[in-house]
Amino acid sequence: MIAIIGLILGVVLGVVVQPDVPVVLQPYLPIAVVAALDTLAGGLRASLDGAFDAHVFITSFLFNVLIAAFLVFLGDQLGVGAQLSTAVIVVLGIRIFSNAAAIRRLLFRS
């Protein structure tokens, strides 16, 4: 429950304050958000499975965001930033939809 309240407060604070993201970090923000959504979906699935561990969730969250940002950075350095960013989004998107399907099966027993 605390995590949901924190998420809601964070979204409201972001909408109200509207912080400026430095130009240097702008290519990494969408990838970081998708990586974070992937971790949230995985955490919800683990919670419904009864296997949720806060330590694993926090470390997965940080690790996923850092690895995704590193892949975008590496793509920028190699001159293929857009293609590698697309690849990261596709892989994380597949994981999000896979978790969503598992969550649906758990919730609706179908």
Protein backbone atom coordinates (compact mmCIF):
# COMPACT_ATOMS: atom_id res chain seq x y z
CA MET A 1 0.00 0.00 0.00
CA ILE A 2 2.87 2.35 0.79
CA ALA A 3 4.33 1.77 -2.68
CA ILE A 4 1.04 2.70 -4.37
CA ILE A 5 0.75 5.87 -2.27
CA GLY A 6 4.36 6.74 -3.13
CA LEU A 7 3.70 6.16 -6.83
CA ILE A 8 0.60 8.36 -6.79
CA LEU A 9 2.41 11.11 -4.85
CA GLY A 10 5.33 10.94 -7.28
CA VAL A 11 3.09 11.28 -10.33
CA VAL A 12 1.13 14.16 -8.78
CA LEU A 13 4.36 15.91 -7.74
CA GLY A 14 5.79 15.48 -11.24
CA VAL A 15 2.66 16.93 -12.84
CA VAL A 16 2.51 19.88 -10.44
CA VAL A 17 6.22 20.76 -10.39
CA GLN A 18 6.95 19.83 -14.04
CA PRO A 19 10.72 19.49 -13.65
CA ASP A 20 12.98 20.16 -16.62
CA VAL A 21 15.04 17.20 -17.77
CA PRO A 22 18.53 18.20 -18.94
CA VAL A 23 19.04 17.74 -22.68
CA VAL A 24 21.85 15.27 -22.04
CA LEU A 25 19.52 12.93 -20.12
CA GLN A 26 16.48 13.19 -22.42
CA PRO A 27 17.34 10.14 -24.58
CA TYR A 28 17.56 7.99 -21.46
CA LEU A 29 14.31 9.01 -19.78
CA PRO A 30 11.84 7.03 -21.96
CA ILE A 31 14.00 3.91 -21.66
CA ALA A 32 14.25 4.32 -17.89
CA VAL A 33 10.47 4.72 -17.62
CA VAL A 34 9.81 1.56 -19.66
CA ALA A 35 12.38 -0.36 -17.60
CA ALA A 36 10.68 0.86 -14.43
CA LEU A 37 7.26 -0.19 -15.77
CA ASP A 38 8.68 -3.62 -16.55
CA THR A 39 9.89 -3.96 -12.98
CA LEU A 40 6.55 -2.78 -11.59
CA ALA A 41 4.69 -5.34 -13.71
CA GLY A 42 7.08 -8.06 -12.54
CA GLY A 43 6.61 -6.98 -8.92
CA LEU A 44 2.83 -7.09 -9.25
CA ARG A 45 3.04 -10.55 -10.81
CA ALA A 46 5.34 -11.77 -8.03
CA SER A 47 2.99 -10.33 -5.44
CA LEU A 48 0.02 -12.14 -6.93
CA ASP A 49 2.09 -15.35 -7.07
CA GLY A 50 2.95 -14.91 -3.40
CA ALA A 51 6.67 -14.68 -4.19
CA PHE A 52 7.25 -10.93 -3.75
CA ASP A 53 10.47 -9.89 -2.05
CA ALA A 54 11.08 -6.17 -1.49
CA HIS A 55 14.88 -6.57 -1.68
CA VAL A 56 14.66 -8.34 -5.03
CA PHE A 57 12.17 -5.74 -6.29
CA ILE A 58 14.39 -2.76 -5.36
CA THR A 59 17.55 -4.29 -6.78
CA SER A 60 15.72 -5.37 -9.96
CA PHE A 61 14.27 -1.89 -10.36
CA LEU A 62 17.68 -0.20 -10.09
CA PHE A 63 19.48 -2.82 -12.16
CA ASN A 64 16.91 -2.78 -14.99
CA VAL A 65 16.98 1.02 -15.23
CA LEU A 66 20.80 1.15 -15.17
CA ILE A 67 21.22 -1.62 -17.76
CA ALA A 68 18.64 -0.05 -20.08
CA ALA A 69 20.32 3.36 -19.76
CA PHE A 70 23.72 1.78 -20.38
CA LEU A 71 22.48 0.09 -23.55
CA VAL A 72 21.17 3.41 -24.86
CA PHE A 73 24.48 5.07 -23.98
CA LEU A 74 26.38 2.28 -25.72
CA GLY A 75 24.18 2.65 -28.80
CA ASP A 76 24.85 6.39 -28.85
CA GLN A 77 28.58 5.77 -28.65
CA LEU A 78 28.42 3.25 -31.50
CA GLY A 79 26.24 5.53 -33.63
CA VAL A 80 23.23 3.23 -33.51
CA GLY A 81 21.39 4.87 -30.62
CA ALA A 82 17.92 4.82 -32.18
CA GLN A 83 18.15 1.18 -33.22
CA LEU A 84 19.43 0.00 -29.84
CA SER A 85 16.82 2.10 -28.04
CA THR A 86 14.13 0.45 -30.17
CA ALA A 87 15.54 -2.98 -29.35
CA VAL A 88 15.45 -2.22 -25.61
CA ILE A 89 11.87 -0.95 -25.86
CA VAL A 90 10.79 -4.07 -27.80
CA VAL A 91 12.38 -6.47 -25.31
CA LEU A 92 10.98 -4.65 -22.28
CA GLY A 93 7.60 -4.32 -23.99
CA ILE A 94 7.49 -8.09 -24.55
CA ARG A 95 8.28 -8.62 -20.86
CA ILE A 96 5.58 -6.15 -19.80
CA PHE A 97 2.95 -7.87 -21.94
CA SER A 98 4.08 -11.28 -20.73
CA ASN A 99 3.69 -10.13 -17.12
CA ALA A 100 0.33 -8.55 -17.97
CA ALA A 101 -0.88 -11.87 -19.41
CA ALA A 102 0.26 -13.72 -16.29
CA ILE A 103 -1.44 -11.14 -14.07
CA ARG A 104 -4.65 -11.52 -16.07
CA ARG A 105 -4.50 -15.29 -15.69
CA LEU A 106 -3.95 -14.97 -11.94
CA LEU A 107 -6.72 -12.43 -11.43
CA PHE A 108 -9.37 -13.99 -13.65
CA ARG A 109 -8.28 -17.64 -13.41
CA SER A 110 -8.30 -17.89 -17.17
